[in-house]
Every structure is written in structure tokens, then in C-alpha cells.
Amino acid sequence: MGHWHVNPSLYIHPAAPKLSLGGPDRDEKIDRLEAEMRSMGQDSGEVGIEILHHFAPGIYAREMRVPAGRLITSKVHKFENLSILSRGRMVLYQDDGTVVEVVAGMHVVAPAGARRVAWVIEDSVWTVFHATTNTNPDEIEAQVVAPSRAEYLKFSAAAEKELSWAG
């Protein structure tokens, strides 16, 4: 899984915010964190995050360039996806409340429904790959991203029900 430097301490990097995001109320904690970030004017364009879109036959890559010193949250993806950190270092706040530092070269198949929070230690480039023939980024986002964890759970339940009827 690439380069994972596991450290169970929440204080993995001195500049990283001391956040406790584990537990059954993780999504509510991240919702509150995002609301606080928005109230402080920390939407992606306002903190210097640049998004680039790349296409190849059957593949869409969404590249995010993030300057050091930013706290970021991910979208909730409806499907597994390949994610690669190709430049920089980040601290990832895991679902179980632990914290890991990841470095350029890290790659992971992210599970559907995952929701991430990261502190960017060094200027970083994170790219997410999705299988699609569509080339319209807005349409792709509507297809592969749920607006919230609750919406993802509804989508997942409906998809599971549909599969059980097909079988």
C-alpha cells in the first residue's frame, strides 16, 4: 500500500491540528469541522487548492494540488477508487481515530463510502482515478460522489437491494 508511516499518536506532526475524529459519530464530527472551516472562509478555492482534470479512454483522474499547511476533507465516493499521493506529505486522520503520515508514492484502493481528513505537511498532489467514459467533470462528480455520508448510505442500500433483485 505504498509508504505508510504508522504512528498511533494523535501528535504525529507538531503543526497538525489535534483532532479526535474516530468513533461512531465520526461523520458528525467531520460535518462540524467542515462547517467551521467554511465559516472561516476555507473553501477550496480560497485556500489555494487547484483541481485539474485528466482523461484517458475509460478513465478520469481528478488531481488536487494542495499547498502545505492546509486542513482538507474528502468527498464521499460511491465506488472504490484508486488514489495516489504523487508529491508531498500529509497526515491522515483515520476512521478508528488513529493518525498516519503518508508520503509521495503512497497509493491505496479507497473503499466506497470512505471520508478522509488530512493535514498537508508539504505541498502535495493527490489524484483519484475513476472508471468512466464521461468527460464532463460535473457529470462525473454527480455519478461518483455522494453529497454526504447519509446520502451514500441511501445509495448503497438501494444498490444492494437492486443487486438482490437481479440475483
Foldseek 3Di string as FASTA:
>chain_A
DWDKAFDQDLPPDVLDDSDQQEDPCNQVSVVVVVVVCVVVVNDCVSQPKDWDWDDDAQKIKIKIWHAAFDKDKDFQWLAWWKKFWQAAKKWKQDHHRGIIIHGHGDMDRDGHRDMIIIHGHHGIMMMIMDGDRDDDVVVVCVVTTARGSVRSVVVVVVVVVVVVVVD
